[in-house]
Amino acid sequence: MAMLTDALWFPGPGSDPPPRGSRLLEAAILRRLRLTFSYRDRSGFPTRRRVRPLALVPGPGGGLLIAWCELRRDFRIFRLDRIDAVRPGSRFPESPGKGIDDYPGGEWV
C-alpha cells in the first residue's frame, strides 16, 4: 500500500507524511471514484460537495485535495482538515477539460 502514497502524495522538501485518513482519498483517485463529503469554508460555513478527486498535494491543514467540483463545475482545492464524512461513489469517466492535466497550474502537479 505504500505505493499508493508514493504515487499520489507529492511531498516537498521537509514535508510531513500524508495525513491520516488520506488512504480513502488515494484509493478514490486511483479508481476514479467520485467522493461526496462535507466541507467547511474558511468562515466555517458547511457545504456538501461531490467531486472528482484528482491529486493530493502538501499544503496547509495537512494537505490539499485537487478536484473537479461537480457543484461549482470547476476545479477546486480543498484543505484536508476541512473535509468530513467522506463517502466514495460511482466511477467517473475521463472527460476533456476535467482532468489533472487540465488543471490550471498543473505543471507543478
Foldseek 3Di string as FASTA:
>chain_A
DVVLQVVFEDEDPPDDGQDPPCVVVSVCQVQQWWKWWWFAPPVGDIDIWIWRWAGWYDDPQRTWTWTQTPVVRGIDIGRPNGTDDMDTHHHDDDDPCGHLVNDVVSVVD
